[in-house]
């Protein structure tokens, strides 16, 4: 075992002494050492219940014949960090998390890892570490929050009843009392936000790829089932160490394609494009950006999930969960190995039934194509991403007038002050991986546009990214970004921009000669942040079309 390097032989006397200093008994010295990387924090609803799950994982590890060690991993709540300086840090923490898990596992020669996670950048960071280390690992996602409950059976959800509610209040659609009810009911307790936002999408994709146990991706945070999954995961990791089953044997090209198919079928978060590209990079799997679009054209959207649709995570779980989605997709899903020991098809075959009012058959879809589309054009020569599952039919093709803003904050002020009108295309730039830095999520301006009733007449494009809670004609990940001189930096107020999602096209209706002249005048702006971790991050992060990963170059 890897841990033999710190427990066996005369030369390891000091190492054993230090381990015994932690309370480790001599009788446990030869057992598999299992690290439990936990992102528990009191700051995030999705993570406040992890102390409970830690206990069950620990029980499982010891039942399985291993010895467990906890170590902490940081977490950032995208909702709390939204709309201010804090959001610069969200995506970069993904890289920090991967590096920290790697550092602790390698420094202490741990034999295997249980990765306890839940929210947006934490789950992909954990998976990146698992793929990079390629030692036995299993992921436990802590589970989604229940929907909030109101009068007459109304269900509340985080994005619809906070970010969009602000704009509805501003527009006079709701009053003080209703706004207060939204605030009180939107987040009723522990768990990741109730809809198919990034956290829950990544939990689902983790299960789809076989890196967590069945039902883990959808079982509610408050459920006894989640405790049992935590226990079983702790027990299973010891077997994985003994069998030497490592992540790269699970994270194959076919597993990534399954994850993309399920994401597309559910209409999940566009952030998963960034994260799957980054995880694939660590796993040594070639996964070009256009893979998402190729699969989207042959994968119908078969569920209507909040925020763009009607169903919540609790509904998806009861309807059949991840296995139910794969069952409905049928032969579109590859048969792949999983950490459970069963193949994908075997897990699907064990499912008794699917509620097809929630997870529809492929011949009666919500939409004929999957939830994500990749667009190209002279404004995005390396690609841009749109969550087309959240776009109304009227805005699938749209030509509008550019209104340019060099930061999210300036754009948000313009939206809330009523300066954005029907027929506009809001252009938010210098918010990419380098220019942000950190590629801030822009839930506030997109939710404001929807809340003000402009979702069918205003588009938004950016080199930044969007929350999984975003809906409407919002195109992100424009590459190359403005900070490196991408064409989005050359757009001027009054330019016409043409969006054609069915044709996968995003065009700036300006001549090549005019763009060349503008480029000759363009000067790169000073970095927004010049010290600390983010200044270093900006120097080494790559473009969104490659997953916004950091390199050693």
Protein backbone atom coordinates (compact mmCIF):
# COMPACT_ATOMS: atom_id res chain seq x y z
CA UNK A 1 0.00 0.00 0.00
CA UNK A 2 1.05 3.61 -0.47
CA UNK A 3 0.84 4.09 3.27
CA UNK A 4 3.59 1.49 3.77
CA UNK A 5 5.97 4.34 2.93
CA UNK A 6 5.11 6.00 6.26
CA UNK A 7 4.34 2.94 8.41
CA UNK A 8 6.80 0.17 7.55
CA UNK A 9 10.48 -0.33 8.38
CA UNK A 10 13.10 0.98 10.78
CA UNK A 11 13.45 4.26 8.89
CA UNK A 12 9.78 5.07 9.53
CA UNK A 13 10.06 5.08 13.32
CA UNK A 14 9.62 8.90 13.44
CA UNK A 15 6.65 8.71 11.08
CA UNK A 16 4.93 6.07 13.22
CA UNK A 17 5.61 8.12 16.32
CA UNK A 18 3.86 11.12 14.81
CA UNK A 19 0.93 8.99 13.67
CA UNK A 20 0.63 7.58 17.17
CA UNK A 21 0.63 11.16 18.37
CA UNK A 22 -2.71 11.56 16.61
CA UNK A 23 -4.09 8.67 18.68
CA UNK A 24 -3.58 5.98 16.00
CA UNK A 25 -3.29 2.59 17.75
CA UNK A 26 -0.53 0.18 16.75
CA UNK A 27 -3.21 -2.35 15.79
CA UNK A 28 -4.46 -0.05 13.00
CA UNK A 29 -1.03 0.73 11.53
CA UNK A 30 -1.25 -1.85 8.75
CA UNK A 31 -4.78 -1.05 7.60
CA UNK A 32 -5.56 1.04 4.48
CA UNK A 33 -5.27 4.73 5.32
CA UNK A 34 -8.32 6.52 3.97
CA UNK A 35 -8.43 10.29 3.75
CA UNK A 36 -11.84 11.91 4.06
CA UNK A 37 -11.59 15.26 2.30
CA UNK A 38 -14.48 17.24 3.71
CA UNK A 39 -15.65 20.65 2.60
CA UNK A 40 -17.79 21.19 5.70
CA UNK A 41 -18.38 24.84 6.49
CA UNK A 42 -20.99 26.83 8.37
CA UNK A 43 -21.05 29.33 5.49
CA UNK A 44 -22.84 27.27 2.83
CA UNK A 45 -26.30 25.63 3.13
CA UNK A 46 -25.11 22.76 0.95
CA UNK A 47 -22.34 21.97 3.43
CA UNK A 48 -23.74 22.61 6.89
CA UNK A 49 -25.01 19.02 7.17
CA UNK A 50 -21.67 17.41 6.40
CA UNK A 51 -20.69 16.81 10.03
CA UNK A 52 -23.44 14.20 10.10
CA UNK A 53 -22.29 12.58 6.84
CA UNK A 54 -18.68 12.57 8.04
CA UNK A 55 -19.71 10.29 10.92
CA UNK A 56 -21.37 7.82 8.58
CA UNK A 57 -18.46 7.79 6.14
CA UNK A 58 -16.08 7.19 9.06
CA UNK A 59 -18.25 4.33 10.32
CA UNK A 60 -18.22 2.82 6.85
CA UNK A 61 -14.44 3.07 6.50
CA UNK A 62 -13.86 1.31 9.82
CA UNK A 63 -16.52 -1.29 9.08
CA UNK A 64 -14.75 -2.00 5.80
CA UNK A 65 -11.42 -2.53 7.58
CA UNK A 66 -9.72 0.83 6.94
CA UNK A 67 -8.58 3.67 9.15
CA UNK A 68 -9.85 7.17 8.36
CA UNK A 69 -8.33 10.62 8.62
CA UNK A 70 -10.29 13.84 8.08
CA UNK A 71 -8.84 16.87 6.38
CA UNK A 72 -10.54 20.12 5.43
CA UNK A 73 -11.14 21.63 2.00
CA UNK A 74 -12.46 25.19 1.52
CA UNK A 75 -15.77 26.04 -0.05
CA UNK A 76 -17.21 29.20 -1.59
CA UNK A 77 -20.96 29.71 -1.94
CA UNK A 78 -21.64 31.13 -5.38
CA UNK A 79 -24.91 32.66 -4.20
CA UNK A 80 -23.35 34.53 -1.29
CA UNK A 81 -20.33 35.60 -3.35
CA UNK A 82 -22.52 36.71 -6.27
CA UNK A 83 -22.48 40.29 -7.52
CA UNK A 84 -19.42 41.63 -5.67
CA UNK A 85 -15.65 41.07 -5.40
CA UNK A 86 -16.19 37.65 -3.86
CA UNK A 87 -17.30 36.11 -7.15
CA UNK A 88 -13.79 36.62 -8.57
CA UNK A 89 -12.69 33.84 -6.21
CA UNK A 90 -15.30 31.20 -6.99
CA UNK A 91 -13.97 29.52 -10.14
CA UNK A 92 -10.30 29.84 -9.08
CA UNK A 93 -11.09 27.86 -5.91
CA UNK A 94 -11.66 24.86 -8.15
CA UNK A 95 -7.93 24.82 -8.89
CA UNK A 96 -7.02 25.39 -5.23
CA UNK A 97 -9.23 22.49 -4.16
CA UNK A 98 -7.64 20.12 -6.65
CA UNK A 99 -4.18 21.22 -5.54
CA UNK A 100 -5.00 20.86 -1.84
CA UNK A 101 -6.44 17.36 -2.17
CA UNK A 102 -3.40 16.35 -4.21
CA UNK A 103 -1.01 17.89 -1.67
CA UNK A 104 -2.49 16.18 1.39
CA UNK A 105 -2.91 12.79 -0.29
CA UNK A 106 0.62 12.76 -1.67
CA UNK A 107 2.35 14.22 1.39
CA UNK A 108 0.77 11.65 3.70
CA UNK A 109 0.74 8.72 1.25
CA UNK A 110 -2.94 8.03 1.73
CA UNK A 111 -4.17 4.80 0.15
CA UNK A 112 -7.59 6.10 -0.85
CA UNK A 113 -9.91 9.08 -0.56
CA UNK A 114 -13.56 9.75 0.15
CA UNK A 115 -14.36 13.16 -1.29
CA UNK A 116 -17.24 14.78 0.62
CA UNK A 117 -18.49 17.72 -1.41
CA UNK A 118 -21.60 19.43 -2.71
CA UNK A 119 -21.42 22.84 -4.34
CA UNK A 120 -20.46 24.41 -7.62
CA UNK A 121 -16.65 24.47 -7.86
CA UNK A 122 -15.96 22.08 -5.01
CA UNK A 123 -17.25 18.92 -6.68
CA UNK A 124 -15.32 19.48 -9.95
CA UNK A 125 -12.20 20.41 -7.98
CA UNK A 126 -12.45 17.14 -6.06
CA UNK A 127 -12.93 15.20 -9.30
CA UNK A 128 -9.95 16.93 -10.90
CA UNK A 129 -7.83 15.83 -7.94
CA UNK A 130 -9.12 12.27 -8.18
CA UNK A 131 -8.25 12.07 -11.87
CA UNK A 132 -4.84 13.67 -11.32
CA UNK A 133 -3.86 11.43 -8.40
CA UNK A 134 -5.37 8.26 -9.88
CA UNK A 135 -5.53 6.54 -6.51
CA UNK A 136 -8.77 4.90 -5.31
CA UNK A 137 -11.36 7.64 -4.70
CA UNK A 138 -15.11 7.81 -4.23
CA UNK A 139 -17.25 10.95 -4.19
CA UNK A 140 -20.08 11.65 -1.76
CA UNK A 141 -22.17 14.68 -2.74
CA UNK A 142 -24.12 15.91 0.28
CA UNK A 143 -27.43 16.26 -1.54
CA UNK A 144 -29.98 18.86 -2.68
CA UNK A 145 -32.15 21.08 -0.53
CA UNK A 146 -35.90 20.61 -0.33
CA UNK A 147 -38.00 23.21 -2.07
CA UNK A 148 -39.48 25.95 0.09
CA UNK A 149 -43.17 25.67 0.86
CA UNK A 150 -45.76 28.41 0.84
CA UNK A 151 -49.53 28.85 0.87
CA UNK A 152 -51.74 26.70 -1.35
CA UNK A 153 -48.91 24.28 -2.12
CA UNK A 154 -46.64 26.85 -3.73
CA UNK A 155 -43.00 25.77 -3.99
CA UNK A 156 -40.23 28.33 -3.60
CA UNK A 157 -36.71 28.06 -5.04
CA UNK A 158 -33.54 30.02 -4.51
CA UNK A 159 -33.01 31.75 -7.86
CA UNK A 160 -36.61 32.39 -8.86
CA UNK A 161 -37.57 33.70 -5.46
CA UNK A 162 -34.53 35.82 -4.64
CA UNK A 163 -32.58 37.12 -7.64
CA UNK A 164 -35.56 37.28 -9.98
CA UNK A 165 -37.85 38.42 -7.16
CA UNK A 166 -35.66 41.51 -6.68
CA UNK A 167 -36.33 42.58 -10.24
CA UNK A 168 -40.06 41.79 -9.95
CA UNK A 169 -40.17 43.96 -6.85
CA UNK A 170 -38.33 46.74 -8.68
CA UNK A 171 -40.87 46.49 -11.51
CA UNK A 172 -43.78 46.68 -9.03
CA UNK A 173 -44.99 43.15 -9.74
CA UNK A 174 -44.66 42.05 -6.10
CA UNK A 175 -44.88 44.03 -2.87
CA UNK A 176 -42.78 44.18 0.32
CA UNK A 177 -44.69 41.34 1.95
CA UNK A 178 -44.24 38.97 -0.97
CA UNK A 179 -40.55 39.82 -1.27
CA UNK A 180 -40.14 39.00 2.43
CA UNK A 181 -42.00 35.69 1.95
CA UNK A 182 -39.64 34.82 -0.89
CA UNK A 183 -36.60 35.57 1.25
CA UNK A 184 -37.94 33.47 4.14
CA UNK A 185 -38.96 30.44 2.05
CA UNK A 186 -36.38 30.28 -0.77
CA UNK A 187 -33.82 28.27 1.23
CA UNK A 188 -35.65 26.22 3.89
CA UNK A 189 -32.62 24.29 5.14
CA UNK A 190 -29.48 22.34 4.36
CA UNK A 191 -28.56 21.16 0.89
CA UNK A 192 -27.53 22.46 -2.51
CA UNK A 193 -30.06 24.80 -4.14
CA UNK A 194 -33.17 22.93 -5.24
CA UNK A 195 -33.12 23.23 -9.02
CA UNK A 196 -30.79 21.92 -11.69
CA UNK A 197 -28.14 24.53 -10.95
CA UNK A 198 -24.43 23.78 -11.19
CA UNK A 199 -24.07 21.99 -7.84
CA UNK A 200 -26.85 19.49 -8.52
CA UNK A 201 -25.88 19.09 -12.16
CA UNK A 202 -22.33 18.18 -11.15
CA UNK A 203 -23.62 15.74 -8.50
CA UNK A 204 -25.73 14.05 -11.16
CA UNK A 205 -22.84 13.88 -13.62
CA UNK A 206 -20.54 12.46 -10.93
CA UNK A 207 -23.00 9.61 -10.41
CA UNK A 208 -23.47 9.23 -14.17
CA UNK A 209 -19.73 8.77 -14.68
CA UNK A 210 -19.66 6.11 -11.97
CA UNK A 211 -17.63 8.10 -9.42
CA UNK A 212 -20.33 7.99 -6.73
CA UNK A 213 -22.82 5.34 -5.69
CA UNK A 214 -26.33 5.04 -7.18
CA UNK A 215 -28.84 7.67 -5.94
CA UNK A 216 -26.02 9.78 -4.49
CA UNK A 217 -26.57 12.52 -7.09
CA UNK A 218 -30.23 13.10 -6.23
CA UNK A 219 -30.87 11.82 -2.67
CA UNK A 220 -31.90 14.79 -0.54
CA UNK A 221 -29.52 16.23 2.04
CA UNK A 222 -32.05 15.62 4.83
CA UNK A 223 -32.71 11.98 3.96
CA UNK A 224 -31.71 8.84 5.82
CA UNK A 225 -30.83 7.47 2.36
CA UNK A 226 -28.03 10.02 2.11
CA UNK A 227 -26.63 8.74 5.43
CA UNK A 228 -26.74 5.17 4.15
CA UNK A 229 -24.98 6.19 0.94
CA UNK A 230 -22.30 7.92 3.02
CA UNK A 231 -21.79 4.76 5.08
CA UNK A 232 -21.70 2.53 2.00
CA UNK A 233 -19.20 4.87 0.32
CA UNK A 234 -16.89 4.66 3.32
CA UNK A 235 -17.11 0.89 3.27
CA UNK A 236 -16.66 0.70 -0.50
CA UNK A 237 -13.47 2.81 -0.61
CA UNK A 238 -11.61 0.15 1.38
CA UNK A 239 -12.59 -2.45 -1.21
CA UNK A 240 -11.47 -0.11 -3.99
CA UNK A 241 -8.05 0.18 -2.36
CA UNK A 242 -7.74 -3.60 -2.06
CA UNK A 243 -8.89 -4.05 -5.66
CA UNK A 244 -6.78 -1.11 -6.88
CA UNK A 245 -9.70 0.44 -8.78
CA UNK A 246 -8.62 3.97 -9.67
CA UNK A 247 -10.47 6.94 -11.19
CA UNK A 248 -8.89 6.75 -14.63
CA UNK A 249 -10.35 3.28 -15.10
CA UNK A 250 -13.78 4.86 -14.54
CA UNK A 251 -13.32 8.31 -16.15
CA UNK A 252 -13.12 7.10 -19.76
CA UNK A 253 -14.15 8.95 -22.90
CA UNK A 254 -17.38 6.92 -22.90
CA UNK A 255 -18.11 7.93 -19.29
CA UNK A 256 -17.69 11.60 -20.18
CA UNK A 257 -20.03 11.15 -23.15
CA UNK A 258 -22.61 9.61 -20.82
CA UNK A 259 -22.27 12.60 -18.50
CA UNK A 260 -22.73 15.04 -21.38
CA UNK A 261 -25.80 13.13 -22.62
CA UNK A 262 -27.43 13.20 -19.18
CA UNK A 263 -26.60 16.89 -18.79
CA UNK A 264 -28.16 17.64 -22.16
CA UNK A 265 -31.20 15.48 -21.46
CA UNK A 266 -31.90 17.33 -18.22
CA UNK A 267 -31.13 20.84 -19.49
CA UNK A 268 -28.40 21.29 -16.88
CA UNK A 269 -25.99 24.09 -16.10
CA UNK A 270 -23.69 25.52 -18.77
CA UNK A 271 -20.90 25.56 -16.16
CA UNK A 272 -20.58 21.82 -16.64
CA UNK A 273 -18.88 22.53 -19.96
CA UNK A 274 -15.99 24.19 -18.13
CA UNK A 275 -15.85 21.50 -15.47
CA UNK A 276 -16.06 18.41 -17.66
CA UNK A 277 -13.34 19.82 -19.92
CA UNK A 278 -11.13 20.42 -16.88
CA UNK A 279 -11.76 16.97 -15.38
CA UNK A 280 -11.14 15.29 -18.73
CA UNK A 281 -7.85 17.16 -19.01
CA UNK A 282 -6.73 15.73 -15.66
CA UNK A 283 -7.89 12.25 -16.69
CA UNK A 284 -5.93 12.39 -19.95
CA UNK A 285 -9.13 12.16 -22.02
CA UNK A 286 -9.43 14.23 -25.19
CA UNK A 287 -12.74 16.09 -25.02
CA UNK A 288 -13.05 18.97 -27.51
CA UNK A 289 -15.63 21.69 -26.86
CA UNK A 290 -17.67 20.76 -29.94
CA UNK A 291 -18.39 17.33 -28.41
CA UNK A 292 -21.16 18.99 -26.42
CA UNK A 293 -22.77 20.33 -29.55
CA UNK A 294 -22.40 17.12 -31.54
CA UNK A 295 -24.13 15.15 -28.79
CA UNK A 296 -26.72 17.89 -28.22
CA UNK A 297 -28.09 17.46 -31.73
CA UNK A 298 -28.86 13.79 -31.09
CA UNK A 299 -29.92 14.04 -27.42
CA UNK A 300 -33.44 15.30 -26.73
CA UNK A 301 -34.18 17.23 -23.56
CA UNK A 302 -36.49 14.91 -21.63
CA UNK A 303 -37.02 16.76 -18.34
CA UNK A 304 -38.32 20.19 -17.41
CA UNK A 305 -36.21 21.17 -14.42
CA UNK A 306 -36.22 24.33 -12.33
CA UNK A 307 -35.13 27.11 -12.92
CA UNK A 308 -36.27 27.02 -16.55
CA UNK A 309 -38.86 24.31 -15.92
CA UNK A 310 -41.31 23.03 -13.34
CA UNK A 311 -39.62 20.14 -11.51
CA UNK A 312 -37.26 20.20 -8.53
CA UNK A 313 -34.51 17.79 -7.51
CA UNK A 314 -36.87 16.05 -5.10
CA UNK A 315 -39.15 15.29 -8.07
CA UNK A 316 -36.28 13.96 -10.17
CA UNK A 317 -35.11 11.69 -7.36
CA UNK A 318 -38.59 10.24 -6.83
CA UNK A 319 -39.03 9.74 -10.59
CA UNK A 320 -35.99 7.49 -10.95
CA UNK A 321 -33.00 9.79 -10.55
CA UNK A 322 -29.89 9.39 -12.66
CA UNK A 323 -30.63 5.77 -13.51
CA UNK A 324 -34.09 6.84 -14.68
CA UNK A 325 -32.62 9.40 -17.07
CA UNK A 326 -30.17 6.85 -18.46
CA UNK A 327 -32.95 4.29 -18.78
CA UNK A 328 -35.02 6.68 -20.89
CA UNK A 329 -31.99 7.51 -23.05
CA UNK A 330 -31.53 3.80 -23.77
CA UNK A 331 -28.88 2.96 -26.36
CA UNK A 332 -27.57 6.51 -26.35
CA UNK A 333 -25.82 5.59 -23.06
CA UNK A 334 -22.56 3.61 -23.12
CA UNK A 335 -22.14 0.60 -20.84
CA UNK A 336 -19.27 1.66 -18.55
CA UNK A 337 -17.71 0.39 -15.31
CA UNK A 338 -18.58 2.22 -12.09
CA UNK A 339 -17.13 2.32 -8.59
CA UNK A 340 -20.18 0.38 -7.44
CA UNK A 341 -18.77 -2.70 -9.16
CA UNK A 342 -21.78 -2.88 -11.47
CA UNK A 343 -21.75 -1.51 -14.99
CA UNK A 344 -23.92 1.41 -16.08
CA UNK A 345 -26.36 -0.89 -17.86
CA UNK A 346 -26.59 -3.22 -14.85
CA UNK A 347 -27.50 -0.30 -12.58
CA UNK A 348 -30.13 0.87 -15.08
CA UNK A 349 -31.53 -2.65 -15.38
CA UNK A 350 -32.02 -2.82 -11.61
CA UNK A 351 -34.38 0.18 -11.69
CA UNK A 352 -37.99 -0.92 -11.29
CA UNK A 353 -39.62 1.95 -13.12
CA UNK A 354 -39.51 5.59 -14.23
CA UNK A 355 -42.11 8.32 -13.72
CA UNK A 356 -42.36 9.52 -17.29
CA UNK A 357 -44.30 12.63 -16.30
CA UNK A 358 -40.98 13.92 -14.90
CA UNK A 359 -38.45 12.03 -17.03
CA UNK A 360 -40.08 11.76 -20.41
CA UNK A 361 -39.49 9.12 -23.11
CA UNK A 362 -37.17 10.21 -25.93
CA UNK A 363 -40.08 10.10 -28.39
CA UNK A 364 -42.04 12.64 -26.32
CA UNK A 365 -39.34 15.13 -25.30
CA UNK A 366 -39.55 18.60 -23.81
CA UNK A 367 -37.35 19.76 -26.69
CA UNK A 368 -35.85 17.91 -29.63
CA UNK A 369 -32.29 18.94 -28.79
CA UNK A 370 -30.24 18.88 -25.62
CA UNK A 371 -29.98 21.71 -23.14
CA UNK A 372 -26.61 23.15 -24.24
CA UNK A 373 -25.50 24.54 -27.59
CA UNK A 374 -22.07 25.74 -28.70
CA UNK A 375 -22.04 28.79 -30.98
CA UNK A 376 -19.32 30.08 -33.30
CA UNK A 377 -18.89 33.24 -35.33
CA UNK A 378 -16.67 36.28 -35.79
CA UNK A 379 -17.38 37.42 -32.22
CA UNK A 380 -16.59 33.96 -30.79
CA UNK A 381 -14.15 32.19 -33.16
CA UNK A 382 -13.19 29.66 -30.48
CA UNK A 383 -16.76 29.16 -29.32
CA UNK A 384 -19.43 30.35 -26.91
CA UNK A 385 -21.94 28.41 -24.80
CA UNK A 386 -25.67 28.89 -24.30
CA UNK A 387 -28.11 26.97 -22.11
CA UNK A 388 -30.70 26.67 -24.86
CA UNK A 389 -33.06 24.77 -22.57
CA UNK A 390 -33.71 28.11 -20.84
CA UNK A 391 -34.24 30.17 -24.00
CA UNK A 392 -37.77 30.93 -25.19
CA UNK A 393 -38.67 30.09 -28.77
CA UNK A 394 -38.93 33.78 -29.72
CA UNK A 395 -35.29 34.43 -28.80
CA UNK A 396 -33.72 31.42 -30.50
CA UNK A 397 -33.07 33.78 -33.41
CA UNK A 398 -32.56 37.45 -32.58
CA UNK A 399 -30.76 40.49 -33.93
CA UNK A 400 -30.24 43.41 -31.60
CA UNK A 401 -28.25 46.52 -30.81
CA UNK A 402 -25.08 46.27 -28.72
CA UNK A 403 -24.92 47.99 -25.35
CA UNK A 404 -21.35 47.51 -24.11
CA UNK A 405 -20.13 47.34 -20.52
CA UNK A 406 -16.61 46.60 -19.35
CA UNK A 407 -17.72 44.95 -16.10
CA UNK A 408 -20.73 43.19 -14.61
CA UNK A 409 -21.20 45.92 -12.01
CA UNK A 410 -21.65 48.68 -14.59
CA UNK A 411 -24.04 46.53 -16.59
CA UNK A 412 -26.10 45.64 -13.52
CA UNK A 413 -26.52 49.32 -12.65
CA UNK A 414 -27.74 50.05 -16.18
CA UNK A 415 -30.25 47.20 -16.05
CA UNK A 416 -31.67 48.14 -12.67
CA UNK A 417 -31.87 51.82 -13.65
CA UNK A 418 -34.02 50.95 -16.66
CA UNK A 419 -31.46 51.92 -19.29
CA UNK A 420 -31.71 48.59 -21.13
CA UNK A 421 -34.58 48.47 -23.60
CA UNK A 422 -36.29 45.92 -25.80
CA UNK A 423 -34.09 45.07 -28.79
CA UNK A 424 -30.78 45.50 -26.95
CA UNK A 425 -27.93 43.01 -26.69
CA UNK A 426 -26.12 43.57 -23.39
CA UNK A 427 -22.38 42.96 -23.92
CA UNK A 428 -20.44 42.34 -20.69
CA UNK A 429 -16.71 41.89 -21.27
CA UNK A 430 -13.38 41.78 -19.42
CA UNK A 431 -15.02 39.19 -17.15
CA UNK A 432 -13.31 36.10 -18.59
CA UNK A 433 -10.83 33.81 -16.81
CA UNK A 434 -7.96 36.30 -17.18
CA UNK A 435 -9.87 39.55 -17.45
CA UNK A 436 -12.21 39.02 -14.51
CA UNK A 437 -10.08 37.54 -13.22
CA UNK A 438 -11.92 34.38 -12.31
CA UNK A 439 -14.76 34.43 -14.85
CA UNK A 440 -17.50 35.67 -12.54
CA UNK A 441 -20.97 34.16 -12.70
CA UNK A 442 -23.57 36.68 -13.76
CA UNK A 443 -26.78 35.52 -12.19
CA UNK A 444 -27.69 39.00 -10.96
CA UNK A 445 -27.93 40.71 -14.39
CA UNK A 446 -29.55 37.72 -16.10
CA UNK A 447 -32.10 37.34 -13.31
CA UNK A 448 -32.77 41.06 -13.41
CA UNK A 449 -33.45 40.92 -17.16
CA UNK A 450 -35.92 38.08 -16.63
CA UNK A 451 -37.51 39.68 -13.58
CA UNK A 452 -38.05 42.95 -15.48
CA UNK A 453 -39.91 41.09 -18.20
CA UNK A 454 -37.20 41.56 -20.85
CA UNK A 455 -36.42 37.86 -21.36
CA UNK A 456 -38.19 37.80 -24.73
CA UNK A 457 -36.64 40.99 -26.09
CA UNK A 458 -33.10 41.41 -24.69
CA UNK A 459 -30.08 39.12 -25.11
CA UNK A 460 -26.88 39.10 -23.07
CA UNK A 461 -23.44 37.97 -24.24
CA UNK A 462 -20.26 37.79 -22.19
CA UNK A 463 -16.78 36.33 -21.93
CA UNK A 464 -17.77 35.53 -18.35
CA UNK A 465 -20.10 32.74 -17.34
CA UNK A 466 -23.54 32.15 -15.88
CA UNK A 467 -25.04 30.48 -12.87
CA UNK A 468 -26.80 27.18 -13.34
CA UNK A 469 -29.83 29.21 -12.28
CA UNK A 470 -29.66 31.41 -15.36
CA UNK A 471 -32.40 31.28 -17.94
CA UNK A 472 -33.10 33.35 -21.01
CA UNK A 473 -31.00 34.26 -24.09
CA UNK A 474 -27.67 34.48 -22.26
CA UNK A 475 -24.51 33.47 -24.13
CA UNK A 476 -21.33 33.00 -22.13
CA UNK A 477 -17.78 31.63 -22.34
CA UNK A 478 -17.08 33.75 -25.44
CA UNK A 479 -13.57 32.80 -26.55
CA UNK A 480 -11.09 34.31 -26.95
CA UNK A 481 -11.92 36.70 -24.13
CA UNK A 482 -11.64 40.48 -24.26
CA UNK A 483 -8.57 40.64 -22.00
CA UNK A 484 -6.45 38.87 -24.63
CA UNK A 485 -7.84 40.93 -27.50
CA UNK A 486 -10.73 38.68 -28.49
CA UNK A 487 -13.28 40.19 -30.90
CA UNK A 488 -15.72 40.88 -28.07
CA UNK A 489 -13.29 43.65 -27.01
CA UNK A 490 -13.90 45.38 -30.35
CA UNK A 491 -17.69 45.65 -30.12
CA UNK A 492 -19.02 49.23 -29.88
CA UNK A 493 -22.36 50.65 -28.76
CA UNK A 494 -24.80 50.62 -31.65
CA UNK A 495 -23.29 47.62 -33.46
CA UNK A 496 -25.75 44.99 -34.58
CA UNK A 497 -25.33 41.45 -33.22
CA UNK A 498 -27.05 38.42 -34.71
CA UNK A 499 -27.88 35.38 -32.61
CA UNK A 500 -29.02 32.19 -34.37
CA UNK A 501 -29.03 29.26 -31.94
CA UNK A 502 -30.49 26.67 -34.38
CA UNK A 503 -27.65 27.49 -36.79
CA UNK A 504 -25.12 27.64 -33.89
CA UNK A 505 -24.10 31.14 -34.96
CA UNK A 506 -23.19 34.35 -33.12
CA UNK A 507 -22.13 37.21 -35.40
CA UNK A 508 -21.08 40.81 -35.04
CA UNK A 509 -22.50 42.53 -38.13
CA UNK A 510 -19.44 44.66 -38.74
CA UNK A 511 -17.09 44.35 -41.71
CA UNK A 512 -13.69 42.67 -41.41
CA UNK A 513 -12.07 45.93 -42.48
CA UNK A 514 -13.76 47.88 -39.70
CA UNK A 515 -12.79 45.25 -37.13
CA UNK A 516 -9.18 45.36 -38.31
CA UNK A 517 -9.15 49.13 -37.91
CA UNK A 518 -10.60 48.85 -34.40
CA UNK A 519 -8.03 46.21 -33.51
CA UNK A 520 -5.22 48.55 -34.49
CA UNK A 521 -6.53 51.02 -31.88
CA UNK A 522 -7.23 48.47 -29.10
CA UNK A 523 -5.05 48.65 -25.99
CA UNK A 524 -5.16 45.95 -23.35
CA UNK A 525 -6.47 47.34 -20.05
CA UNK A 526 -4.57 47.18 -16.79
CA UNK A 527 -5.32 44.04 -14.72
CA UNK A 528 -8.19 44.63 -12.29
CA UNK A 529 -6.39 42.80 -9.50
CA UNK A 530 -2.60 43.11 -9.22
CA UNK A 531 -1.74 41.27 -6.01
CA UNK A 532 -2.53 38.06 -4.18
CA UNK A 533 -3.74 34.71 -5.45
CA UNK A 534 -5.97 36.10 -8.19
CA UNK A 535 -3.09 38.03 -9.78
CA UNK A 536 -1.12 34.77 -10.02
CA UNK A 537 -4.18 32.90 -11.28
CA UNK A 538 -4.74 35.40 -14.10
CA UNK A 539 -1.23 34.78 -15.43
CA UNK A 540 -1.63 31.01 -15.83
CA UNK A 541 -5.33 30.38 -16.53
CA UNK A 542 -6.35 29.27 -20.02
CA UNK A 543 -9.34 30.18 -22.15
CA UNK A 544 -12.88 29.08 -21.37
CA UNK A 545 -12.96 26.88 -24.48
CA UNK A 546 -10.31 24.66 -22.86
CA UNK A 547 -12.03 24.59 -19.45
CA UNK A 548 -10.33 27.62 -17.85
CA UNK A 549 -7.64 25.38 -16.41
CA UNK A 550 -4.33 26.54 -14.97
CA UNK A 551 -1.06 25.55 -16.58
CA UNK A 552 2.55 25.44 -15.44
CA UNK A 553 3.66 27.46 -18.45
